[in-house]
Amino acid sequence: TGVFPTTDGHINIAAGSDHMWQRLCGALGANDLLANADNDTGAGRFKRRDALNEEISRYTAKRGSAELVELLNREGVPCGPIYAVDQTFADPQVRHLGIARTVNQPGRGDIKVVGQPFTMSRSESQMRRGTPQIGEQTDEILTDLGYDRQAIDDLRARGVI
């Protein structure tokens, strides 16, 4: 359905089906939205999406993100908070999955990043270092592409790289 304001941020709600729409309106106490025949079908709701999202926002803007997520989850409506970066690492699910990783970023020291939310038995899925600096991997990449040391030095001397 979209992104909606709360008293302390925003949440994302995905209630596109008729069944989820009814659950959403019930959870929000939005009987006026259910009573509007223009909202009876997904096609109708899509046609007036901007206006409808403003109407839904009137309900979501009165409550906090955590309260709304708990309420909508209890009703089976797909939703979730929209976090700032620091909030992401404090989320219980992020902690449970162990996907917050500390990597060394040259020039900045150790920083936290979001790693892979899953692991695979035969593939590397751990982040081990930060973002490369500009040009840090140029020689390695060009060598992998078949350039020899002389060609790389020539490109550098001519200001190509």
Protein backbone atom coordinates (compact mmCIF):
# COMPACT_ATOMS: atom_id res chain seq x y z
CA THR A 1 0.00 0.00 0.00
CA GLY A 2 2.79 2.44 0.86
CA VAL A 3 4.78 4.42 3.41
CA PHE A 4 2.87 6.24 6.13
CA PRO A 5 3.81 8.79 8.79
CA THR A 6 3.64 8.01 12.49
CA THR A 7 4.16 10.20 15.54
CA ASP A 8 7.83 9.19 15.61
CA GLY A 9 8.74 8.26 12.04
CA HIS A 10 7.27 6.15 9.24
CA ILE A 11 6.08 2.62 8.61
CA ASN A 12 5.56 0.60 5.46
CA ILE A 13 2.21 -1.17 5.03
CA ALA A 14 1.45 -3.77 2.35
CA ALA A 15 -2.29 -4.36 2.34
CA GLY A 16 -3.15 -4.63 -1.34
CA SER A 17 -5.58 -7.55 -1.29
CA ASP A 18 -9.22 -7.04 -0.35
CA HIS A 19 -8.77 -9.27 2.69
CA MET A 20 -5.73 -7.32 3.93
CA TRP A 21 -7.47 -4.02 3.21
CA GLN A 22 -10.34 -5.01 5.46
CA ARG A 23 -7.91 -6.08 8.20
CA LEU A 24 -6.01 -2.80 7.90
CA CYS A 25 -9.14 -0.68 8.18
CA GLY A 26 -10.40 -2.78 11.09
CA ALA A 27 -7.12 -2.43 12.97
CA LEU A 28 -7.00 1.33 12.40
CA GLY A 29 -10.68 1.81 13.23
CA ALA A 30 -11.09 3.32 9.77
CA ASN A 31 -14.73 2.37 9.21
CA ASP A 32 -15.20 5.40 6.97
CA LEU A 33 -12.65 3.98 4.53
CA LEU A 34 -14.43 0.63 4.51
CA ALA A 35 -17.78 2.32 3.92
CA ASN A 36 -16.52 4.13 0.82
CA ALA A 37 -17.55 2.01 -2.20
CA ASP A 38 -14.59 3.40 -4.19
CA ASN A 39 -12.34 1.37 -1.87
CA ASP A 40 -14.13 -1.97 -2.32
CA THR A 41 -11.71 -3.37 -4.91
CA GLY A 42 -7.98 -3.25 -5.44
CA ALA A 43 -8.54 -1.52 -8.77
CA GLY A 44 -10.67 1.13 -7.10
CA ARG A 45 -8.13 1.70 -4.36
CA PHE A 46 -5.32 1.90 -6.91
CA LYS A 47 -7.21 4.47 -8.99
CA ARG A 48 -7.42 6.80 -5.98
CA ARG A 49 -4.18 5.74 -4.35
CA ASP A 50 -2.79 9.20 -3.56
CA ALA A 51 -5.99 10.41 -1.90
CA LEU A 52 -6.44 7.09 -0.11
CA ASN A 53 -2.90 7.15 1.24
CA GLU A 54 -3.56 10.64 2.63
CA GLU A 55 -6.69 9.29 4.32
CA ILE A 56 -4.79 6.34 5.81
CA SER A 57 -2.09 8.76 6.97
CA ARG A 58 -4.67 10.57 9.12
CA TYR A 59 -4.95 7.35 11.14
CA THR A 60 -1.29 6.36 11.24
CA ALA A 61 -0.06 9.84 12.16
CA LYS A 62 -1.82 9.55 15.52
CA ARG A 63 0.25 6.59 16.76
CA GLY A 64 3.88 5.61 17.18
CA SER A 65 5.64 3.27 14.77
CA ALA A 66 6.15 0.45 17.30
CA GLU A 67 2.52 0.60 18.41
CA LEU A 68 1.25 0.45 14.83
CA VAL A 69 3.57 -2.39 13.82
CA GLU A 70 2.47 -4.41 16.85
CA LEU A 71 -1.21 -3.69 16.17
CA LEU A 72 -1.02 -4.50 12.45
CA ASN A 73 1.11 -7.61 13.00
CA ARG A 74 -1.46 -8.87 15.50
CA GLU A 75 -4.12 -8.45 12.78
CA GLY A 76 -1.95 -10.17 10.15
CA VAL A 77 -1.34 -7.04 8.08
CA PRO A 78 2.15 -7.00 6.51
CA CYS A 79 4.02 -3.96 7.74
CA GLY A 80 7.29 -2.82 9.23
CA PRO A 81 9.08 0.17 10.61
CA ILE A 82 11.29 2.35 8.47
CA TYR A 83 14.50 2.88 10.36
CA ALA A 84 17.31 5.35 10.45
CA VAL A 85 20.67 3.57 10.19
CA ASP A 86 21.31 3.57 13.95
CA GLN A 87 17.85 2.13 14.61
CA THR A 88 18.50 -0.72 12.17
CA PHE A 89 21.22 -2.20 14.36
CA ALA A 90 19.04 -2.02 17.48
CA ASP A 91 16.16 -3.96 15.88
CA PRO A 92 15.55 -7.27 17.71
CA GLN A 93 15.32 -9.23 14.43
CA VAL A 94 18.62 -7.79 13.15
CA ARG A 95 20.22 -8.78 16.45
CA HIS A 96 18.62 -12.24 16.39
CA LEU A 97 19.86 -12.91 12.85
CA GLY A 98 23.32 -11.61 13.71
CA ILE A 99 23.57 -9.64 10.49
CA ALA A 100 25.18 -6.51 11.93
CA ARG A 101 28.87 -6.72 11.09
CA THR A 102 31.81 -4.61 12.12
CA VAL A 103 34.29 -3.94 9.33
CA ASN A 104 37.33 -1.72 9.13
CA GLN A 105 36.82 1.21 6.80
CA PRO A 106 40.13 2.84 5.83
CA GLY A 107 40.20 6.38 7.11
CA ARG A 108 37.22 5.85 9.41
CA GLY A 109 38.14 2.86 11.54
CA ASP A 110 35.65 0.21 12.59
CA ILE A 111 32.07 0.78 11.41
CA LYS A 112 28.91 -1.29 11.63
CA VAL A 113 27.25 -2.43 8.42
CA VAL A 114 24.30 -4.67 7.62
CA GLY A 115 25.63 -8.01 6.42
CA GLN A 116 23.83 -10.84 4.70
CA PRO A 117 20.60 -11.92 6.43
CA PHE A 118 21.29 -15.56 5.49
CA THR A 119 24.17 -17.97 5.20
CA MET A 120 24.80 -20.57 2.53
CA SER A 121 26.70 -23.79 3.07
CA ARG A 122 29.03 -23.41 0.08
CA SER A 123 29.23 -19.65 -0.48
CA GLU A 124 31.01 -16.93 1.43
CA SER A 125 28.42 -14.67 3.00
CA GLN A 126 30.45 -12.73 5.55
CA MET A 127 31.55 -9.16 5.02
CA ARG A 128 35.17 -8.82 5.98
CA ARG A 129 36.12 -5.28 5.00
CA GLY A 130 34.65 -1.89 4.27
CA THR A 131 34.13 -0.19 0.95
CA PRO A 132 37.33 0.03 -1.11
CA GLN A 133 38.90 3.45 -1.52
CA ILE A 134 38.85 5.03 -4.98
CA GLY A 135 41.45 3.24 -7.09
CA GLU A 136 42.33 0.71 -4.37
CA GLN A 137 41.48 -2.28 -6.57
CA THR A 138 42.33 -0.82 -9.98
CA ASP A 139 45.46 -2.90 -10.54
CA GLU A 140 43.77 -6.09 -9.36
CA ILE A 141 40.76 -5.57 -11.63
CA LEU A 142 42.82 -4.65 -14.68
CA THR A 143 45.07 -7.67 -14.11
CA ASP A 144 41.97 -9.88 -13.93
CA LEU A 145 40.88 -8.35 -17.25
CA GLY A 146 44.18 -9.37 -18.87
CA TYR A 147 46.27 -6.19 -18.63
CA ASP A 148 49.93 -6.73 -17.74
CA ARG A 149 52.04 -4.48 -15.48
CA GLN A 150 53.44 -2.50 -18.42
CA ALA A 151 49.96 -1.77 -19.84
CA ILE A 152 48.65 -0.70 -16.42
CA ASP A 153 51.68 1.57 -15.88
CA ASP A 154 51.11 3.09 -19.34
CA LEU A 155 47.42 3.78 -18.58
CA ARG A 156 48.44 5.42 -15.30
CA ALA A 157 51.17 7.53 -16.97
CA ARG A 158 48.69 8.81 -19.57
CA GLY A 159 46.18 9.74 -16.86
CA VAL A 160 43.62 7.19 -18.03
CA ILE A 161 43.47 5.69 -14.55
